[in-house]
């Protein structure tokens, strides 16, 4: 692999970890009152927000957008890794 793909893979992994942290924090601090929660929310919202607009929460409470985002990130990482 080259440094460009390594960097992109690393950034996508960090984004995945951020989305997982967001999911966990949504149970602990659902209104993002903590500064760490706000930072994680702000960093992941550009990815999760558009997906949420396309796939609204089920029953108004179950948000599938983080799971879909993680799935799409994994597909993107696989495409990048196969291209090298």
PDB file of N, CA and C in Angstrom:
ATOM      1  N   UNK A   1       0.836  -1.187   0.000  1.00  0.00           N
ATOM      2  CA  UNK A   1       0.000   0.000   0.000  1.00  0.00           C
ATOM      3  C   UNK A   1       0.873   1.239   0.000  1.00  0.00           C
ATOM      4  N   UNK A   2       0.296   2.311  -0.460  1.00  0.00           N
ATOM      5  CA  UNK A   2       1.042   3.564  -0.435  1.00  0.00           C
ATOM      6  C   UNK A   2       0.545   4.446   0.705  1.00  0.00           C
ATOM      7  N   UNK A   3       1.238   5.546   0.904  1.00  0.00           N
ATOM      8  CA  UNK A   3       0.906   6.394   2.052  1.00  0.00           C
ATOM      9  C   UNK A   3      -0.480   7.032   1.926  1.00  0.00           C
ATOM     10  N   UNK A   4      -0.937   7.308   0.709  1.00  0.00           N
ATOM     11  CA  UNK A   4      -2.272   7.886   0.510  1.00  0.00           C
ATOM     12  C   UNK A   4      -3.377   6.937   0.943  1.00  0.00           C
ATOM     13  N   UNK A   5      -3.254   5.682   0.556  1.00  0.00           N
ATOM     14  CA  UNK A   5      -4.272   4.704   0.954  1.00  0.00           C
ATOM     15  C   UNK A   5      -4.196   4.413   2.439  1.00  0.00           C
ATOM     16  N   UNK A   6      -2.979   4.379   2.962  1.00  0.00           N
ATOM     17  CA  UNK A   6      -2.834   4.174   4.410  1.00  0.00           C
ATOM     18  C   UNK A   6      -3.491   5.304   5.190  1.00  0.00           C
ATOM     19  N   UNK A   7      -3.281   6.528   4.739  1.00  0.00           N
ATOM     20  CA  UNK A   7      -3.876   7.683   5.414  1.00  0.00           C
ATOM     21  C   UNK A   7      -5.398   7.632   5.333  1.00  0.00           C
ATOM     22  N   UNK A   8      -5.923   7.325   4.158  1.00  0.00           N
ATOM     23  CA  UNK A   8      -7.372   7.250   3.989  1.00  0.00           C
ATOM     24  C   UNK A   8      -7.971   6.130   4.840  1.00  0.00           C
ATOM     25  N   UNK A   9      -7.300   4.992   4.858  1.00  0.00           N
ATOM     26  CA  UNK A   9      -7.761   3.876   5.700  1.00  0.00           C
ATOM     27  C   UNK A   9      -7.766   4.268   7.171  1.00  0.00           C
ATOM     28  N   UNK A  10      -6.728   4.970   7.608  1.00  0.00           N
ATOM     29  CA  UNK A  10      -6.646   5.409   8.998  1.00  0.00           C
ATOM     30  C   UNK A  10      -7.765   6.387   9.325  1.00  0.00           C
ATOM     31  N   UNK A  11      -8.013   7.333   8.432  1.00  0.00           N
ATOM     32  CA  UNK A  11      -9.086   8.311   8.656  1.00  0.00           C
ATOM     33  C   UNK A  11     -10.456   7.631   8.713  1.00  0.00           C
ATOM     34  N   UNK A  12     -10.675   6.664   7.851  1.00  0.00           N
ATOM     35  CA  UNK A  12     -11.945   5.939   7.864  1.00  0.00           C
ATOM     36  C   UNK A  12     -12.095   5.094   9.127  1.00  0.00           C
ATOM     37  N   UNK A  13     -10.987   4.548   9.620  1.00  0.00           N
ATOM     38  CA  UNK A  13     -11.032   3.782  10.871  1.00  0.00           C
ATOM     39  C   UNK A  13     -11.348   4.705  12.046  1.00  0.00           C
ATOM     40  N   UNK A  14     -10.736   5.888  12.067  1.00  0.00           N
ATOM     41  CA  UNK A  14     -11.013   6.857  13.128  1.00  0.00           C
ATOM     42  C   UNK A  14     -12.479   7.289  13.075  1.00  0.00           C
ATOM     43  N   UNK A  15     -12.999   7.498  11.876  1.00  0.00           N
ATOM     44  CA  UNK A  15     -14.408   7.852  11.729  1.00  0.00           C
ATOM     45  C   UNK A  15     -15.306   6.739  12.240  1.00  0.00           C
ATOM     46  N   UNK A  16     -14.960   5.496  11.948  1.00  0.00           N
ATOM     47  CA  UNK A  16     -15.740   4.356  12.444  1.00  0.00           C
ATOM     48  C   UNK A  16     -15.738   4.306  13.964  1.00  0.00           C
ATOM     49  N   UNK A  17     -14.585   4.529  14.558  1.00  0.00           N
ATOM     50  CA  UNK A  17     -14.491   4.539  16.017  1.00  0.00           C
ATOM     51  C   UNK A  17     -15.321   5.693  16.582  1.00  0.00           C
ATOM     52  N   UNK A  18     -15.282   6.835  15.908  1.00  0.00           N
ATOM     53  CA  UNK A  18     -16.090   7.973  16.350  1.00  0.00           C
ATOM     54  C   UNK A  18     -17.578   7.679  16.306  1.00  0.00           C
ATOM     55  N   UNK A  19     -18.011   6.996  15.265  1.00  0.00           N
ATOM     56  CA  UNK A  19     -19.431   6.646  15.149  1.00  0.00           C
ATOM     57  C   UNK A  19     -19.814   5.643  16.241  1.00  0.00           C
ATOM     58  N   UNK A  20     -18.950   4.671  16.495  1.00  0.00           N
ATOM     59  CA  UNK A  20     -19.230   3.724  17.588  1.00  0.00           C
ATOM     60  C   UNK A  20     -19.281   4.440  18.937  1.00  0.00           C
ATOM     61  N   UNK A  21     -18.368   5.380  19.146  1.00  0.00           N
ATOM     62  CA  UNK A  21     -18.380   6.162  20.390  1.00  0.00           C
ATOM     63  C   UNK A  21     -19.660   6.970  20.495  1.00  0.00           C
ATOM     64  N   UNK A  22     -20.114   7.505  19.364  1.00  0.00           N
ATOM     65  CA  UNK A  22     -21.363   8.274  19.346  1.00  0.00           C
ATOM     66  C   UNK A  22     -22.537   7.407  19.779  1.00  0.00           C
ATOM     67  N   UNK A  23     -22.582   6.182  19.285  1.00  0.00           N
ATOM     68  CA  UNK A  23     -23.670   5.267  19.645  1.00  0.00           C
ATOM     69  C   UNK A  23     -23.640   4.978  21.140  1.00  0.00           C
ATOM     70  N   UNK A  24     -22.471   4.687  21.659  1.00  0.00           N
ATOM     71  CA  UNK A  24     -22.351   4.392  23.090  1.00  0.00           C
ATOM     72  C   UNK A  24     -22.721   5.619  23.915  1.00  0.00           C
ATOM     73  N   UNK A  25     -22.215   6.781  23.522  1.00  0.00           N
ATOM     74  CA  UNK A  25     -22.514   8.003  24.261  1.00  0.00           C
ATOM     75  C   UNK A  25     -23.987   8.387  24.185  1.00  0.00           C
ATOM     76  N   UNK A  26     -24.672   7.956  23.140  1.00  0.00           N
ATOM     77  CA  UNK A  26     -26.095   8.287  23.038  1.00  0.00           C
ATOM     78  C   UNK A  26     -26.907   7.628  24.150  1.00  0.00           C
ATOM     79  N   UNK A  27     -26.381   6.548  24.709  1.00  0.00           N
ATOM     80  CA  UNK A  27     -27.050   5.908  25.849  1.00  0.00           C
ATOM     81  C   UNK A  27     -26.668   6.584  27.164  1.00  0.00           C
ATOM     82  N   UNK A  28     -25.423   7.052  27.239  1.00  0.00           N
ATOM     83  CA  UNK A  28     -24.922   7.666  28.473  1.00  0.00           C
ATOM     84  C   UNK A  28     -25.316   9.136  28.574  1.00  0.00           C
ATOM     85  N   UNK A  29     -25.128   9.878  27.478  1.00  0.00           N
ATOM     86  CA  UNK A  29     -25.369  11.317  27.448  1.00  0.00           C
ATOM     87  C   UNK A  29     -26.191  11.648  26.199  1.00  0.00           C
ATOM     88  N   UNK A  30     -27.485  11.330  26.198  1.00  0.00           N
ATOM     89  CA  UNK A  30     -28.285  11.452  24.967  1.00  0.00           C
ATOM     90  C   UNK A  30     -28.416  12.872  24.430  1.00  0.00           C
ATOM     91  N   UNK A  31     -28.233  13.879  25.252  1.00  0.00           N
ATOM     92  CA  UNK A  31     -28.381  15.255  24.783  1.00  0.00           C
ATOM     93  C   UNK A  31     -27.043  15.932  24.554  1.00  0.00           C
ATOM     94  N   UNK A  32     -25.958  15.182  24.572  1.00  0.00           N
ATOM     95  CA  UNK A  32     -24.605  15.661  24.296  1.00  0.00           C
ATOM     96  C   UNK A  32     -24.275  16.907  25.107  1.00  0.00           C
ATOM     97  N   UNK A  33     -24.444  16.817  26.416  1.00  0.00           N
ATOM     98  CA  UNK A  33     -24.124  17.949  27.291  1.00  0.00           C
ATOM     99  C   UNK A  33     -22.642  18.001  27.610  1.00  0.00           C
ATOM    100  N   UNK A  34     -21.963  16.876  27.556  1.00  0.00           N
ATOM    101  CA  UNK A  34     -20.538  16.794  27.833  1.00  0.00           C
ATOM    102  C   UNK A  34     -19.761  17.322  26.627  1.00  0.00           C
ATOM    103  N   UNK A  35     -18.626  17.971  26.854  1.00  0.00           N
ATOM    104  CA  UNK A  35     -17.850  18.534  25.745  1.00  0.00           C
ATOM    105  C   UNK A  35     -17.303  17.442  24.817  1.00  0.00           C
ATOM    106  N   UNK A  36     -16.936  16.298  25.376  1.00  0.00           N
ATOM    107  CA  UNK A  36     -16.451  15.197  24.536  1.00  0.00           C
ATOM    108  C   UNK A  36     -17.581  14.671  23.657  1.00  0.00           C
ATOM    109  N   UNK A  37     -18.769  14.564  24.227  1.00  0.00           N
ATOM    110  CA  UNK A  37     -19.931  14.123  23.446  1.00  0.00           C
ATOM    111  C   UNK A  37     -20.199  15.095  22.305  1.00  0.00           C
ATOM    112  N   UNK A  38     -20.107  16.383  22.580  1.00  0.00           N
ATOM    113  CA  UNK A  38     -20.341  17.394  21.544  1.00  0.00           C
ATOM    114  C   UNK A  38     -19.310  17.291  20.428  1.00  0.00           C
ATOM    115  N   UNK A  39     -18.051  17.081  20.781  1.00  0.00           N
ATOM    116  CA  UNK A  39     -16.996  16.959  19.768  1.00  0.00           C
ATOM    117  C   UNK A  39     -17.249  15.740  18.890  1.00  0.00           C
ATOM    118  N   UNK A  40     -17.546  14.604  19.503  1.00  0.00           N
ATOM    119  CA  UNK A  40     -17.802  13.379  18.731  1.00  0.00           C
ATOM    120  C   UNK A  40     -19.034  13.558  17.855  1.00  0.00           C
ATOM    121  N   UNK A  41     -20.084  14.185  18.392  1.00  0.00           N
ATOM    122  CA  UNK A  41     -21.289  14.445  17.608  1.00  0.00           C
ATOM    123  C   UNK A  41     -20.957  15.330  16.410  1.00  0.00           C
ATOM    124  N   UNK A  42     -20.209  16.410  16.636  1.00  0.00           N
ATOM    125  CA  UNK A  42     -19.867  17.338  15.555  1.00  0.00           C
ATOM    126  C   UNK A  42     -19.007  16.679  14.479  1.00  0.00           C
ATOM    127  N   UNK A  43     -18.118  15.781  14.867  1.00  0.00           N
ATOM    128  CA  UNK A  43     -17.251  15.116  13.898  1.00  0.00           C
ATOM    129  C   UNK A  43     -17.977  14.056  13.079  1.00  0.00           C
ATOM    130  N   UNK A  44     -18.973  13.422  13.661  1.00  0.00           N
ATOM    131  CA  UNK A  44     -19.654  12.328  12.959  1.00  0.00           C
ATOM    132  C   UNK A  44     -20.950  12.758  12.274  1.00  0.00           C
ATOM    133  N   UNK A  45     -21.500  13.885  12.654  1.00  0.00           N
ATOM    134  CA  UNK A  45     -22.776  14.325  12.090  1.00  0.00           C
ATOM    135  C   UNK A  45     -22.741  14.523  10.571  1.00  0.00           C
ATOM    136  N   UNK A  46     -21.627  15.031   9.984  1.00  0.00           N
ATOM    137  CA  UNK A  46     -21.613  15.158   8.515  1.00  0.00           C
ATOM    138  C   UNK A  46     -21.793  13.833   7.779  1.00  0.00           C
ATOM    139  N   UNK A  47     -21.479  12.727   8.419  1.00  0.00           N
ATOM    140  CA  UNK A  47     -21.660  11.412   7.797  1.00  0.00           C
ATOM    141  C   UNK A  47     -23.020  10.826   8.155  1.00  0.00           C
ATOM    142  N   UNK A  48     -23.381  10.901   9.420  1.00  0.00           N
ATOM    143  CA  UNK A  48     -24.608  10.262   9.911  1.00  0.00           C
ATOM    144  C   UNK A  48     -25.852  11.076   9.540  1.00  0.00           C
ATOM    145  N   UNK A  49     -25.750  12.385   9.549  1.00  0.00           N
ATOM    146  CA  UNK A  49     -26.906  13.250   9.292  1.00  0.00           C
ATOM    147  C   UNK A  49     -27.583  13.023   7.947  1.00  0.00           C
ATOM    148  N   UNK A  50     -26.830  13.032   6.838  1.00  0.00           N
ATOM    149  CA  UNK A  50     -27.474  12.784   5.540  1.00  0.00           C
ATOM    150  C   UNK A  50     -28.126  11.407   5.434  1.00  0.00           C
ATOM    151  N   UNK A  51     -27.517  10.416   6.066  1.00  0.00           N
ATOM    152  CA  UNK A  51     -28.109   9.071   6.053  1.00  0.00           C
ATOM    153  C   UNK A  51     -29.419   9.091   6.834  1.00  0.00           C
ATOM    154  N   UNK A  52     -29.438   9.810   7.960  1.00  0.00           N
ATOM    155  CA  UNK A  52     -30.653   9.892   8.775  1.00  0.00           C
ATOM    156  C   UNK A  52     -31.785  10.567   7.999  1.00  0.00           C
ATOM    157  N   UNK A  53     -31.450  11.529   7.152  1.00  0.00           N
ATOM    158  CA  UNK A  53     -32.497  12.175   6.348  1.00  0.00           C
ATOM    159  C   UNK A  53     -33.076  11.206   5.317  1.00  0.00           C
ATOM    160  N   UNK A  54     -32.241  10.291   4.819  1.00  0.00           N
ATOM    161  CA  UNK A  54     -32.722   9.299   3.851  1.00  0.00           C
ATOM    162  C   UNK A  54     -33.463   8.153   4.525  1.00  0.00           C
ATOM    163  N   UNK A  55     -32.987   7.750   5.704  1.00  0.00           N
ATOM    164  CA  UNK A  55     -33.576   6.635   6.444  1.00  0.00           C
ATOM    165  C   UNK A  55     -33.965   7.147   7.831  1.00  0.00           C
ATOM    166  N   UNK A  56     -35.181   7.629   7.978  1.00  0.00           N
ATOM    167  CA  UNK A  56     -35.592   8.170   9.284  1.00  0.00           C
ATOM    168  C   UNK A  56     -35.625   7.073  10.347  1.00  0.00           C
ATOM    169  N   UNK A  57     -35.529   7.462  11.620  1.00  0.00           N
ATOM    170  CA  UNK A  57     -35.560   6.476  12.711  1.00  0.00           C
ATOM    171  C   UNK A  57     -36.829   5.619  12.674  1.00  0.00           C
ATOM    172  N   UNK A  58     -36.662   4.343  12.960  1.00  0.00           N
ATOM    173  CA  UNK A  58     -37.799   3.423  12.994  1.00  0.00           C
ATOM    174  C   UNK A  58     -38.638   3.701  14.234  1.00  0.00           C
ATOM    175  N   UNK A  59     -39.909   3.844  14.050  1.00  0.00           N
ATOM    176  CA  UNK A  59     -40.799   4.099  15.170  1.00  0.00           C
ATOM    177  C   UNK A  59     -40.502   5.417  15.864  1.00  0.00           C
ATOM    178  N   UNK A  60     -39.693   6.253  15.230  1.00  0.00           N
ATOM    179  CA  UNK A  60     -39.335   7.538  15.806  1.00  0.00           C
ATOM    180  C   UNK A  60     -38.234   7.479  16.846  1.00  0.00           C
ATOM    181  N   UNK A  61     -37.763   6.266  17.202  1.00  0.00           N
ATOM    182  CA  UNK A  61     -36.758   6.174  18.264  1.00  0.00           C
ATOM    183  C   UNK A  61     -35.511   5.376  17.894  1.00  0.00           C
ATOM    184  N   UNK A  62     -35.609   4.407  17.019  1.00  0.00           N
ATOM    185  CA  UNK A  62     -34.462   3.555  16.690  1.00  0.00           C
ATOM    186  C   UNK A  62     -33.770   4.106  15.449  1.00  0.00           C
ATOM    187  N   UNK A  63     -32.586   4.683  15.668  1.00  0.00           N
ATOM    188  CA  UNK A  63     -31.828   5.324  14.600  1.00  0.00           C
ATOM    189  C   UNK A  63     -30.854   4.318  13.990  1.00  0.00           C
ATOM    190  N   UNK A  64     -31.105   3.950  12.748  1.00  0.00           N
ATOM    191  CA  UNK A  64     -30.244   2.998  12.056  1.00  0.00           C
ATOM    192  C   UNK A  64     -29.107   3.668  11.295  1.00  0.00           C
ATOM    193  N   UNK A  65     -29.093   4.997  11.246  1.00  0.00           N
ATOM    194  CA  UNK A  65     -28.097   5.694  10.441  1.00  0.00           C
ATOM    195  C   UNK A  65     -26.654   5.408  10.855  1.00  0.00           C
ATOM    196  N   UNK A  66     -26.304   5.283  12.143  1.00  0.00           N
ATOM    197  CA  UNK A  66     -24.910   4.932  12.456  1.00  0.00           C
ATOM    198  C   UNK A  66     -24.517   3.553  11.927  1.00  0.00           C
ATOM    199  N   UNK A  67     -25.428   2.593  12.008  1.00  0.00           N
ATOM    200  CA  UNK A  67     -25.133   1.256  11.504  1.00  0.00           C
ATOM    201  C   UNK A  67     -24.939   1.286   9.980  1.00  0.00           C
ATOM    202  N   UNK A  68     -25.779   2.029   9.290  1.00  0.00           N
ATOM    203  CA  UNK A  68     -25.648   2.147   7.837  1.00  0.00           C
ATOM    204  C   UNK A  68     -24.346   2.846   7.484  1.00  0.00           C
ATOM    205  N   UNK A  69     -23.994   3.898   8.238  1.00  0.00           N
ATOM    206  CA  UNK A  69     -22.741   4.615   7.996  1.00  0.00           C
ATOM    207  C   UNK A  69     -21.541   3.687   8.184  1.00  0.00           C
ATOM    208  N   UNK A  70     -21.552   2.898   9.236  1.00  0.00           N
ATOM    209  CA  UNK A  70     -20.455   1.950   9.464  1.00  0.00           C
ATOM    210  C   UNK A  70     -20.359   0.921   8.337  1.00  0.00           C
ATOM    211  N   UNK A  71     -21.499   0.466   7.869  1.00  0.00           N
ATOM    212  CA  UNK A  71     -21.536  -0.483   6.762  1.00  0.00           C
ATOM    213  C   UNK A  71     -20.941   0.139   5.499  1.00  0.00           C
ATOM    214  N   UNK A  72     -21.321   1.374   5.192  1.00  0.00           N
ATOM    215  CA  UNK A  72     -20.809   2.054   4.003  1.00  0.00           C
ATOM    216  C   UNK A  72     -19.317   2.356   4.118  1.00  0.00           C
ATOM    217  N   UNK A  73     -18.868   2.711   5.306  1.00  0.00           N
ATOM    218  CA  UNK A  73     -17.439   2.949   5.521  1.00  0.00           C
ATOM    219  C   UNK A  73     -16.658   1.659   5.304  1.00  0.00           C
ATOM    220  N   UNK A  74     -17.196   0.552   5.782  1.00  0.00           N
ATOM    221  CA  UNK A  74     -16.517  -0.741   5.593  1.00  0.00           C
ATOM    222  C   UNK A  74     -16.440  -1.103   4.113  1.00  0.00           C
ATOM    223  N   UNK A  75     -17.505  -0.866   3.373  1.00  0.00           N
ATOM    224  CA  UNK A  75     -17.480  -1.127   1.927  1.00  0.00           C
ATOM    225  C   UNK A  75     -16.431  -0.255   1.252  1.00  0.00           C
ATOM    226  N   UNK A  76     -16.378   1.012   1.633  1.00  0.00           N
ATOM    227  CA  UNK A  76     -15.392   1.933   1.060  1.00  0.00           C
ATOM    228  C   UNK A  76     -13.972   1.477   1.377  1.00  0.00           C
ATOM    229  N   UNK A  77     -13.739   1.043   2.594  1.00  0.00           N
ATOM    230  CA  UNK A  77     -12.405   0.559   2.965  1.00  0.00           C
ATOM    231  C   UNK A  77     -12.022  -0.687   2.159  1.00  0.00           C
ATOM    232  N   UNK A  78     -12.986  -1.577   1.946  1.00  0.00           N
ATOM    233  CA  UNK A  78     -12.711  -2.778   1.152  1.00  0.00           C
ATOM    234  C   UNK A  78     -12.380  -2.408  -0.290  1.00  0.00           C
ATOM    235  N   UNK A  79     -13.101  -1.431  -0.840  1.00  0.00           N
ATOM    236  CA  UNK A  79     -12.846  -0.992  -2.213  1.00  0.00           C
ATOM    237  C   UNK A  79     -11.452  -0.376  -2.323  1.00  0.00           C
ATOM    238  N   UNK A  80     -11.065   0.392  -1.337  1.00  0.00           N
ATOM    239  CA  UNK A  80      -9.746   1.026  -1.341  1.00  0.00           C
ATOM    240  C   UNK A  80      -8.658  -0.039  -1.242  1.00  0.00           C
ATOM    241  N   UNK A  81      -8.856  -1.005  -0.355  1.00  0.00           N
ATOM    242  CA  UNK A  81      -7.845  -2.045  -0.168  1.00  0.00           C
ATOM    243  C   UNK A  81      -7.709  -2.953  -1.369  1.00  0.00           C
ATOM    244  N   UNK A  82      -8.791  -3.208  -2.070  1.00  0.00           N
ATOM    245  CA  UNK A  82      -8.713  -4.062  -3.275  1.00  0.00           C
ATOM    246  C   UNK A  82      -8.104  -3.333  -4.451  1.00  0.00           C
ATOM    247  N   UNK A  83      -8.191  -2.016  -4.438  1.00  0.00           N
ATOM    248  CA  UNK A  83      -7.638  -1.225  -5.538  1.00  0.00           C
ATOM    249  C   UNK A  83      -6.130  -1.088  -5.485  1.00  0.00           C
ATOM    250  N   UNK A  84      -5.532  -1.490  -4.364  1.00  0.00           N
ATOM    251  CA  UNK A  84      -4.062  -1.338  -4.255  1.00  0.00           C
ATOM    252  C   UNK A  84      -3.347  -2.633  -4.478  1.00  0.00           C
TER     253      UNK A  84
END
